[in-house]
Full PDB file with SEQRES, HELIX, SHEET, SSBOND, CRYST1, ORIGX, SCALE, CONECT and MASTER records, all heavy atoms in Angstrom:
SEQRES   1 A   35  ILE ALA VAL GLY LEU ALA ARG GLY GLU GLY GLY VAL ILE          
SEQRES   2 A   35  ALA CYS SER ALA LEU LYS ARG GLN TYR ARG ASP VAL LEU          
SEQRES   3 A   35  SER VAL ASP GLU ARG ARG VAL ARG PHE                          
HELIX    1 AA1 ALA A    2  ALA A    6  1                                   5    
HELIX    2 AA2 ARG A   20  LEU A   26  1                                   7    
CRYST1    1.000    1.000    1.000  90.00  90.00  90.00 P 1           1          
ORIGX1      1.000000  0.000000  0.000000        0.00000                         
ORIGX2      0.000000  1.000000  0.000000        0.00000                         
ORIGX3      0.000000  0.000000  1.000000        0.00000                         
SCALE1      1.000000  0.000000  0.000000        0.00000                         
SCALE2      0.000000  1.000000  0.000000        0.00000                         
SCALE3      0.000000  0.000000  1.000000        0.00000                         
ATOM      1  N   ILE A   1       6.135   1.182  -0.715  1.00  0.00           N  
ATOM      2  CA  ILE A   1       5.000   1.707  -1.458  1.00  0.00           C  
ATOM      3  C   ILE A   1       5.070   3.162  -1.675  1.00  0.00           C  
ATOM      4  O   ILE A   1       4.960   3.636  -2.846  1.00  0.00           O  
ATOM      5  CB  ILE A   1       3.646   1.275  -0.787  1.00  0.00           C  
ATOM      6  CG1 ILE A   1       3.453  -0.156  -0.729  1.00  0.00           C  
ATOM      7  CG2 ILE A   1       2.462   1.991  -1.450  1.00  0.00           C  
ATOM      8  CD1 ILE A   1       2.390  -0.594   0.204  1.00  0.00           C  
ATOM      9  N   ALA A   2       5.484   3.943  -0.686  1.00  0.00           N  
ATOM     10  CA  ALA A   2       5.430   5.472  -0.732  1.00  0.00           C  
ATOM     11  C   ALA A   2       6.484   5.833  -1.726  1.00  0.00           C  
ATOM     12  O   ALA A   2       6.322   6.752  -2.529  1.00  0.00           O  
ATOM     13  CB  ALA A   2       5.699   5.982   0.564  1.00  0.00           C  
ATOM     14  N   VAL A   3       7.633   5.258  -1.697  1.00  0.00           N  
ATOM     15  CA  VAL A   3       8.735   5.622  -2.654  1.00  0.00           C  
ATOM     16  C   VAL A   3       8.395   5.142  -4.140  1.00  0.00           C  
ATOM     17  O   VAL A   3       8.603   6.024  -5.019  1.00  0.00           O  
ATOM     18  CB  VAL A   3      10.119   4.859  -2.223  1.00  0.00           C  
ATOM     19  CG1 VAL A   3      11.020   4.979  -3.281  1.00  0.00           C  
ATOM     20  CG2 VAL A   3      10.569   5.345  -0.915  1.00  0.00           C  
ATOM     21  N   GLY A   4       7.757   4.060  -4.280  1.00  0.00           N  
ATOM     22  CA  GLY A   4       7.381   3.648  -5.523  1.00  0.00           C  
ATOM     23  C   GLY A   4       6.298   4.675  -6.171  1.00  0.00           C  
ATOM     24  O   GLY A   4       6.434   5.073  -7.336  1.00  0.00           O  
ATOM     25  N   LEU A   5       5.285   4.980  -5.402  1.00  0.00           N  
ATOM     26  CA  LEU A   5       4.294   5.890  -5.812  1.00  0.00           C  
ATOM     27  C   LEU A   5       4.968   7.284  -6.147  1.00  0.00           C  
ATOM     28  O   LEU A   5       4.518   8.024  -7.094  1.00  0.00           O  
ATOM     29  CB  LEU A   5       3.145   6.097  -4.810  1.00  0.00           C  
ATOM     30  CG  LEU A   5       2.226   4.832  -4.569  1.00  0.00           C  
ATOM     31  CD1 LEU A   5       1.294   5.088  -3.363  1.00  0.00           C  
ATOM     32  CD2 LEU A   5       1.561   4.441  -5.876  1.00  0.00           C  
ATOM     33  N   ALA A   6       5.797   7.733  -5.420  1.00  0.00           N  
ATOM     34  CA  ALA A   6       6.408   9.016  -5.540  1.00  0.00           C  
ATOM     35  C   ALA A   6       7.221   8.998  -6.917  1.00  0.00           C  
ATOM     36  O   ALA A   6       7.354  10.145  -7.522  1.00  0.00           O  
ATOM     37  CB  ALA A   6       7.384   9.438  -4.429  1.00  0.00           C  
ATOM     38  N   ARG A   7       7.644   7.976  -7.309  1.00  0.00           N  
ATOM     39  CA  ARG A   7       8.436   7.830  -8.525  1.00  0.00           C  
ATOM     40  C   ARG A   7       7.524   7.515  -9.784  1.00  0.00           C  
ATOM     41  O   ARG A   7       7.942   7.433 -10.876  1.00  0.00           O  
ATOM     42  CB  ARG A   7       9.468   6.675  -8.519  1.00  0.00           C  
ATOM     43  CG  ARG A   7      10.617   6.963  -7.546  1.00  0.00           C  
ATOM     44  CD  ARG A   7      11.338   5.627  -7.407  1.00  0.00           C  
ATOM     45  NE  ARG A   7      12.590   5.886  -6.568  1.00  0.00           N  
ATOM     46  CZ  ARG A   7      13.403   5.012  -6.141  1.00  0.00           C  
ATOM     47  NH1 ARG A   7      13.129   3.657  -6.516  1.00  0.00           N  
ATOM     48  NH2 ARG A   7      14.460   5.213  -5.384  1.00  0.00           N  
ATOM     49  N   GLY A   8       6.092   7.440  -9.492  1.00  0.00           N  
ATOM     50  CA  GLY A   8       5.271   7.084 -10.574  1.00  0.00           C  
ATOM     51  C   GLY A   8       5.219   5.776 -10.891  1.00  0.00           C  
ATOM     52  O   GLY A   8       4.817   5.325 -12.014  1.00  0.00           O  
ATOM     53  N   GLU A   9       5.651   4.891 -10.041  1.00  0.00           N  
ATOM     54  CA  GLU A   9       5.774   3.386 -10.223  1.00  0.00           C  
ATOM     55  C   GLU A   9       4.655   2.679  -9.587  1.00  0.00           C  
ATOM     56  O   GLU A   9       3.951   3.239  -8.738  1.00  0.00           O  
ATOM     57  CB  GLU A   9       7.177   2.889  -9.791  1.00  0.00           C  
ATOM     58  CG  GLU A   9       8.186   3.509 -10.558  1.00  0.00           C  
ATOM     59  CD  GLU A   9       9.577   3.067  -9.850  1.00  0.00           C  
ATOM     60  OE1 GLU A   9       9.602   2.481  -8.784  1.00  0.00           O  
ATOM     61  OE2 GLU A   9      10.604   3.532 -10.414  1.00  0.00           O  
ATOM     62  N   GLY A  10       4.335   1.464  -9.942  1.00  0.00           N  
ATOM     63  CA  GLY A  10       3.395   0.563  -9.355  1.00  0.00           C  
ATOM     64  C   GLY A  10       4.024  -0.715  -9.014  1.00  0.00           C  
ATOM     65  O   GLY A  10       5.149  -1.025  -9.211  1.00  0.00           O  
ATOM     66  N   GLY A  11       3.174  -1.596  -8.325  1.00  0.00           N  
ATOM     67  CA  GLY A  11       3.652  -2.939  -7.955  1.00  0.00           C  
ATOM     68  C   GLY A  11       2.651  -3.738  -7.248  1.00  0.00           C  
ATOM     69  O   GLY A  11       1.489  -3.192  -6.933  1.00  0.00           O  
ATOM     70  N   VAL A  12       2.923  -5.001  -7.004  1.00  0.00           N  
ATOM     71  CA  VAL A  12       2.085  -5.880  -6.302  1.00  0.00           C  
ATOM     72  C   VAL A  12       2.883  -6.493  -5.091  1.00  0.00           C  
ATOM     73  O   VAL A  12       3.971  -6.886  -5.279  1.00  0.00           O  
ATOM     74  CB  VAL A  12       1.537  -7.122  -7.248  1.00  0.00           C  
ATOM     75  CG1 VAL A  12       0.720  -8.092  -6.408  1.00  0.00           C  
ATOM     76  CG2 VAL A  12       0.766  -6.537  -8.450  1.00  0.00           C  
ATOM     77  N   ILE A  13       2.236  -6.475  -3.939  1.00  0.00           N  
ATOM     78  CA  ILE A  13       2.833  -6.896  -2.711  1.00  0.00           C  
ATOM     79  C   ILE A  13       2.054  -7.985  -2.086  1.00  0.00           C  
ATOM     80  O   ILE A  13       0.761  -7.771  -1.966  1.00  0.00           O  
ATOM     81  CB  ILE A  13       3.075  -5.732  -1.672  1.00  0.00           C  
ATOM     82  CG1 ILE A  13       3.976  -4.718  -2.164  1.00  0.00           C  
ATOM     83  CG2 ILE A  13       3.565  -6.335  -0.337  1.00  0.00           C  
ATOM     84  CD1 ILE A  13       4.256  -3.435  -1.246  1.00  0.00           C  
ATOM     85  N   ALA A  14       2.696  -9.140  -1.770  1.00  0.00           N  
ATOM     86  CA  ALA A  14       2.009 -10.195  -1.022  1.00  0.00           C  
ATOM     87  C   ALA A  14       2.275 -10.005   0.415  1.00  0.00           C  
ATOM     88  O   ALA A  14       3.415  -9.903   0.896  1.00  0.00           O  
ATOM     89  CB  ALA A  14       2.478 -11.513  -1.452  1.00  0.00           C  
ATOM     90  N   CYS A  15       1.106  -9.707   1.205  1.00  0.00           N  
ATOM     91  CA  CYS A  15       1.336  -9.411   2.584  1.00  0.00           C  
ATOM     92  C   CYS A  15       0.071  -9.785   3.312  1.00  0.00           C  
ATOM     93  O   CYS A  15      -1.075  -9.544   2.875  1.00  0.00           O  
ATOM     94  CB  CYS A  15       1.617  -7.867   2.843  1.00  0.00           C  
ATOM     95  SG  CYS A  15       1.559  -7.394   4.466  1.00  0.00           S  
ATOM     96  N   SER A  16       0.269 -10.498   4.477  1.00  0.00           N  
ATOM     97  CA  SER A  16      -1.055 -11.011   5.243  1.00  0.00           C  
ATOM     98  C   SER A  16      -1.920  -9.976   5.502  1.00  0.00           C  
ATOM     99  O   SER A  16      -3.223 -10.070   5.364  1.00  0.00           O  
ATOM    100  CB  SER A  16      -0.536 -11.787   6.425  1.00  0.00           C  
ATOM    101  OG  SER A  16       0.308 -10.934   7.238  1.00  0.00           O  
ATOM    102  N   ALA A  17      -1.427  -8.711   6.063  1.00  0.00           N  
ATOM    103  CA  ALA A  17      -2.284  -7.539   6.405  1.00  0.00           C  
ATOM    104  C   ALA A  17      -3.560  -7.993   7.066  1.00  0.00           C  
ATOM    105  O   ALA A  17      -4.699  -7.529   6.768  1.00  0.00           O  
ATOM    106  CB  ALA A  17      -2.513  -6.804   5.104  1.00  0.00           C  
ATOM    107  N   LEU A  18      -3.471  -8.794   8.120  1.00  0.00           N  
ATOM    108  CA  LEU A  18      -4.631  -9.459   8.734  1.00  0.00           C  
ATOM    109  C   LEU A  18      -5.552  -8.360   9.348  1.00  0.00           C  
ATOM    110  O   LEU A  18      -6.768  -8.613   9.383  1.00  0.00           O  
ATOM    111  CB  LEU A  18      -4.282 -10.533   9.677  1.00  0.00           C  
ATOM    112  CG  LEU A  18      -3.405 -11.697   9.131  1.00  0.00           C  
ATOM    113  CD1 LEU A  18      -2.849 -12.666  10.247  1.00  0.00           C  
ATOM    114  CD2 LEU A  18      -4.169 -12.463   8.028  1.00  0.00           C  
ATOM    115  N   LYS A  19      -4.985  -7.469  10.022  1.00  0.00           N  
ATOM    116  CA  LYS A  19      -5.800  -6.478  10.850  1.00  0.00           C  
ATOM    117  C   LYS A  19      -5.946  -5.145  10.154  1.00  0.00           C  
ATOM    118  O   LYS A  19      -5.150  -4.803   9.276  1.00  0.00           O  
ATOM    119  CB  LYS A  19      -5.094  -6.310  12.184  1.00  0.00           C  
ATOM    120  CG  LYS A  19      -5.096  -7.414  13.101  1.00  0.00           C  
ATOM    121  CD  LYS A  19      -4.528  -7.022  14.456  1.00  0.00           C  
ATOM    122  CE  LYS A  19      -4.443  -8.201  15.473  1.00  0.00           C  
ATOM    123  NZ  LYS A  19      -4.031  -7.965  16.713  1.00  0.00           N  
ATOM    124  N   ARG A  20      -7.018  -4.532  10.451  1.00  0.00           N  
ATOM    125  CA  ARG A  20      -7.255  -3.144   9.878  1.00  0.00           C  
ATOM    126  C   ARG A  20      -6.101  -2.218  10.197  1.00  0.00           C  
ATOM    127  O   ARG A  20      -5.690  -1.422   9.283  1.00  0.00           O  
ATOM    128  CB  ARG A  20      -8.639  -2.552  10.457  1.00  0.00           C  
ATOM    129  CG  ARG A  20      -8.919  -1.158   9.914  1.00  0.00           C  
ATOM    130  CD  ARG A  20     -10.237  -0.720  10.350  1.00  0.00           C  
ATOM    131  NE  ARG A  20     -10.428   0.674   9.928  1.00  0.00           N  
ATOM    132  CZ  ARG A  20     -11.494   1.446  10.164  1.00  0.00           C  
ATOM    133  NH1 ARG A  20     -12.446   0.964  10.904  1.00  0.00           N  
ATOM    134  NH2 ARG A  20     -11.722   2.659   9.778  1.00  0.00           N  
ATOM    135  N   GLN A  21      -5.577  -2.186  11.357  1.00  0.00           N  
ATOM    136  CA  GLN A  21      -4.501  -1.335  11.713  1.00  0.00           C  
ATOM    137  C   GLN A  21      -3.238  -1.562  10.845  1.00  0.00           C  
ATOM    138  O   GLN A  21      -2.524  -0.590  10.552  1.00  0.00           O  
ATOM    139  CB  GLN A  21      -4.148  -1.378  13.195  1.00  0.00           C  
ATOM    140  CG  GLN A  21      -3.448  -2.704  13.575  1.00  0.00           C  
ATOM    141  CD  GLN A  21      -3.327  -2.902  15.085  1.00  0.00           C  
ATOM    142  OE1 GLN A  21      -4.325  -3.117  15.804  1.00  0.00           O  
ATOM    143  NE2 GLN A  21      -2.072  -2.848  15.660  1.00  0.00           N  
ATOM    144  N   TYR A  22      -3.093  -2.799  10.453  1.00  0.00           N  
ATOM    145  CA  TYR A  22      -1.909  -3.126   9.571  1.00  0.00           C  
ATOM    146  C   TYR A  22      -2.208  -2.490   8.149  1.00  0.00           C  
ATOM    147  O   TYR A  22      -1.321  -1.967   7.576  1.00  0.00           O  
ATOM    148  CB  TYR A  22      -1.754  -4.629   9.355  1.00  0.00           C  
ATOM    149  CG  TYR A  22      -1.502  -5.396  10.699  1.00  0.00           C  
ATOM    150  CD1 TYR A  22      -1.774  -6.794  10.748  1.00  0.00           C  
ATOM    151  CD2 TYR A  22      -1.126  -4.742  11.863  1.00  0.00           C  
ATOM    152  CE1 TYR A  22      -1.447  -7.545  11.799  1.00  0.00           C  
ATOM    153  CE2 TYR A  22      -0.965  -5.470  13.020  1.00  0.00           C  
ATOM    154  CZ  TYR A  22      -1.159  -6.911  13.029  1.00  0.00           C  
ATOM    155  OH  TYR A  22      -1.045  -7.511  14.165  1.00  0.00           O  
ATOM    156  N   ARG A  23      -3.317  -2.719   7.698  1.00  0.00           N  
ATOM    157  CA  ARG A  23      -3.744  -2.171   6.423  1.00  0.00           C  
ATOM    158  C   ARG A  23      -3.707  -0.647   6.364  1.00  0.00           C  
ATOM    159  O   ARG A  23      -3.387   0.014   5.329  1.00  0.00           O  
ATOM    160  CB  ARG A  23      -5.202  -2.646   5.981  1.00  0.00           C  
ATOM    161  CG  ARG A  23      -5.117  -4.162   5.785  1.00  0.00           C  
ATOM    162  CD  ARG A  23      -6.516  -4.628   5.153  1.00  0.00           C  
ATOM    163  NE  ARG A  23      -7.632  -4.580   6.100  1.00  0.00           N  
ATOM    164  CZ  ARG A  23      -8.010  -5.377   7.039  1.00  0.00           C  
ATOM    165  NH1 ARG A  23      -7.266  -6.535   7.082  1.00  0.00           N  
ATOM    166  NH2 ARG A  23      -9.009  -5.171   7.668  1.00  0.00           N  
ATOM    167  N   ASP A  24      -4.051   0.065   7.468  1.00  0.00           N  
ATOM    168  CA  ASP A  24      -3.927   1.470   7.618  1.00  0.00           C  
ATOM    169  C   ASP A  24      -2.565   1.957   7.403  1.00  0.00           C  
ATOM    170  O   ASP A  24      -2.272   2.976   6.777  1.00  0.00           O  
ATOM    171  CB  ASP A  24      -4.462   1.899   9.004  1.00  0.00           C  
ATOM    172  CG  ASP A  24      -6.020   1.897   9.114  1.00  0.00           C  
ATOM    173  OD1 ASP A  24      -6.640   1.644   8.046  1.00  0.00           O  
ATOM    174  OD2 ASP A  24      -6.482   1.872  10.172  1.00  0.00           O  
ATOM    175  N   VAL A  25      -1.574   1.126   7.918  1.00  0.00           N  
ATOM    176  CA  VAL A  25      -0.132   1.502   7.782  1.00  0.00           C  
ATOM    177  C   VAL A  25       0.295   1.477   6.321  1.00  0.00           C  
ATOM    178  O   VAL A  25       0.907   2.335   5.790  1.00  0.00           O  
ATOM    179  CB  VAL A  25       0.738   0.566   8.598  1.00  0.00           C  
ATOM    180  CG1 VAL A  25       2.257   0.930   8.332  1.00  0.00           C  
ATOM    181  CG2 VAL A  25       0.482   0.846  10.137  1.00  0.00           C  
ATOM    182  N   LEU A  26      -0.209   0.501   5.648  1.00  0.00           N  
ATOM    183  CA  LEU A  26       0.150   0.178   4.269  1.00  0.00           C  
ATOM    184  C   LEU A  26      -0.484   1.184   3.240  1.00  0.00           C  
ATOM    185  O   LEU A  26      -0.034   1.463   2.151  1.00  0.00           O  
ATOM    186  CB  LEU A  26      -0.130  -1.255   3.808  1.00  0.00           C  
ATOM    187  CG  LEU A  26       0.611  -2.300   4.602  1.00  0.00           C  
ATOM    188  CD1 LEU A  26       0.153  -3.700   4.138  1.00  0.00           C  
ATOM    189  CD2 LEU A  26       2.114  -2.221   4.396  1.00  0.00           C  
ATOM    190  N   SER A  27      -1.708   1.649   3.669  1.00  0.00           N  
ATOM    191  CA  SER A  27      -2.470   2.483   2.748  1.00  0.00           C  
ATOM    192  C   SER A  27      -1.933   3.943   2.811  1.00  0.00           C  
ATOM    193  O   SER A  27      -2.675   4.807   3.343  1.00  0.00           O  
ATOM    194  CB  SER A  27      -3.962   2.423   3.150  1.00  0.00           C  
ATOM    195  OG  SER A  27      -4.869   3.033   2.246  1.00  0.00           O  
ATOM    196  N   VAL A  28      -0.879   4.121   2.221  1.00  0.00           N  
ATOM    197  CA  VAL A  28      -0.264   5.443   2.323  1.00  0.00           C  
ATOM    198  C   VAL A  28      -0.910   6.357   1.387  1.00  0.00           C  
ATOM    199  O   VAL A  28      -0.715   7.663   1.546  1.00  0.00           O  
ATOM    200  CB  VAL A  28       1.345   5.315   1.866  1.00  0.00           C  
ATOM    201  CG1 VAL A  28       2.074   4.522   2.911  1.00  0.00           C  
ATOM    202  CG2 VAL A  28       1.464   4.828   0.494  1.00  0.00           C  
ATOM    203  N   ASP A  29      -1.633   5.910   0.472  1.00  0.00           N  
ATOM    204  CA  ASP A  29      -2.509   6.743  -0.436  1.00  0.00           C  
ATOM    205  C   ASP A  29      -3.767   5.896  -0.802  1.00  0.00           C  
ATOM    206  O   ASP A  29      -3.590   4.960  -1.536  1.00  0.00           O  
ATOM    207  CB  ASP A  29      -1.716   7.051  -1.717  1.00  0.00           C  
ATOM    208  CG  ASP A  29      -2.475   8.053  -2.674  1.00  0.00           C  
ATOM    209  OD1 ASP A  29      -3.661   7.891  -2.727  1.00  0.00           O  
ATOM    210  OD2 ASP A  29      -1.808   8.919  -3.321  1.00  0.00           O  
ATOM    211  N   GLU A  30      -4.890   6.277  -0.218  1.00  0.00           N  
ATOM    212  CA  GLU A  30      -6.127   5.515  -0.340  1.00  0.00           C  
ATOM    213  C   GLU A  30      -6.527   5.256  -1.802  1.00  0.00           C  
ATOM    214  O   GLU A  30      -7.098   4.277  -2.117  1.00  0.00           O  
ATOM    215  CB  GLU A  30      -7.238   6.147   0.401  1.00  0.00           C  
ATOM    216  CG  GLU A  30      -7.062   6.074   1.879  1.00  0.00           C  
ATOM    217  CD  GLU A  30      -8.188   6.534   2.699  1.00  0.00           C  
ATOM    218  OE1 GLU A  30      -9.180   7.010   2.061  1.00  0.00           O  
ATOM    219  OE2 GLU A  30      -8.142   6.562   3.952  1.00  0.00           O  
ATOM    220  N   ARG A  31      -6.253   6.290  -2.674  1.00  0.00           N  
ATOM    221  CA  ARG A  31      -6.716   6.166  -4.078  1.00  0.00           C  
ATOM    222  C   ARG A  31      -5.767   5.248  -4.850  1.00  0.00           C  
ATOM    223  O   ARG A  31      -6.162   4.683  -5.917  1.00  0.00           O  
ATOM    224  CB  ARG A  31      -6.593   7.479  -4.748  1.00  0.00           C  
ATOM    225  CG  ARG A  31      -7.860   8.492  -4.228  1.00  0.00           C  
ATOM    226  CD  ARG A  31      -8.063   9.491  -5.212  1.00  0.00           C  
ATOM    227  NE  ARG A  31      -6.707  10.295  -5.634  1.00  0.00           N  
ATOM    228  CZ  ARG A  31      -6.684  11.016  -6.607  1.00  0.00           C  
ATOM    229  NH1 ARG A  31      -7.641  11.143  -7.516  1.00  0.00           N  
ATOM    230  NH2 ARG A  31      -5.530  11.670  -6.878  1.00  0.00           N  
ATOM    231  N   ARG A  32      -4.479   5.087  -4.426  1.00  0.00           N  
ATOM    232  CA  ARG A  32      -3.564   4.341  -5.244  1.00  0.00           C  
ATOM    233  C   ARG A  32      -2.985   3.070  -4.549  1.00  0.00           C  
ATOM    234  O   ARG A  32      -2.092   2.531  -5.127  1.00  0.00           O  
ATOM    235  CB  ARG A  32      -2.444   5.336  -5.600  1.00  0.00           C  
ATOM    236  CG  ARG A  32      -2.770   6.467  -6.506  1.00  0.00           C  
ATOM    237  CD  ARG A  32      -1.588   7.190  -7.074  1.00  0.00           C  
ATOM    238  NE  ARG A  32      -0.907   8.068  -6.042  1.00  0.00           N  
ATOM    239  CZ  ARG A  32       0.238   8.464  -6.107  1.00  0.00           C  
ATOM    240  NH1 ARG A  32       0.891   8.337  -7.312  1.00  0.00           N  
ATOM    241  NH2 ARG A  32       0.840   9.310  -5.184  1.00  0.00           N  
ATOM    242  N   VAL A  33      -3.527   2.674  -3.414  1.00  0.00           N  
ATOM    243  CA  VAL A  33      -3.283   1.391  -2.843  1.00  0.00           C  
ATOM    244  C   VAL A  33      -4.531   0.639  -2.786  1.00  0.00           C  
ATOM    245  O   VAL A  33      -5.482   1.007  -2.108  1.00  0.00           O  
ATOM    246  CB  VAL A  33      -2.571   1.590  -1.486  1.00  0.00           C  
ATOM    247  CG1 VAL A  33      -2.292   0.258  -0.878  1.00  0.00           C  
ATOM    248  CG2 VAL A  33      -1.319   2.406  -1.552  1.00  0.00           C  
ATOM    249  N   ARG A  34      -4.592  -0.503  -3.476  1.00  0.00           N  
ATOM    250  CA  ARG A  34      -5.732  -1.372  -3.481  1.00  0.00           C  
ATOM    251  C   ARG A  34      -5.523  -2.696  -2.774  1.00  0.00           C  
ATOM    252  O   ARG A  34      -4.346  -3.214  -2.767  1.00  0.00           O  
ATOM    253  CB  ARG A  34      -6.300  -1.616  -4.779  1.00  0.00           C  
ATOM    254  CG  ARG A  34      -6.852  -0.475  -5.645  1.00  0.00           C  
ATOM    255  CD  ARG A  34      -7.971   0.220  -4.951  1.00  0.00           C  
ATOM    256  NE  ARG A  34      -9.000  -0.782  -4.738  1.00  0.00           N  
ATOM    257  CZ  ARG A  34      -9.976  -1.304  -5.607  1.00  0.00           C  
ATOM    258  NH1 ARG A  34      -9.799  -0.799  -6.892  1.00  0.00           N  
ATOM    259  NH2 ARG A  34     -10.819  -2.157  -5.214  1.00  0.00           N  
ATOM    260  N   PHE A  35      -6.435  -3.282  -1.958  1.00  0.00           N  
ATOM    261  CA  PHE A  35      -6.290  -4.494  -1.334  1.00  0.00           C  
ATOM    262  C   PHE A  35      -7.081  -5.604  -2.089  1.00  0.00           C  
ATOM    263  O   PHE A  35      -8.289  -5.365  -2.378  1.00  0.00           O  
ATOM    264  CB  PHE A  35      -6.712  -4.328   0.123  1.00  0.00           C  
ATOM    265  CG  PHE A  35      -5.729  -3.581   0.970  1.00  0.00           C  
ATOM    266  CD1 PHE A  35      -5.877  -2.230   1.101  1.00  0.00           C  
ATOM    267  CD2 PHE A  35      -4.769  -4.175   1.636  1.00  0.00           C  
ATOM    268  CE1 PHE A  35      -5.037  -1.453   1.853  1.00  0.00           C  
ATOM    269  CE2 PHE A  35      -3.780  -3.412   2.302  1.00  0.00           C  
ATOM    270  CZ  PHE A  35      -3.940  -1.933   2.418  1.00  0.00           C  
TER     271      PHE A  35                                                      
MASTER        0    0    0    2    0    0    0    6  270    1    0    3          
END                                                                             
């Protein structure tokens, strides 16, 4: 995600992300990562 955002790219990821702590890891930019 971080590399994609740095390049000005977007994407969709399928990921269980069951716990808040997992989502915190994935949320590298709160404005540009949506769940």
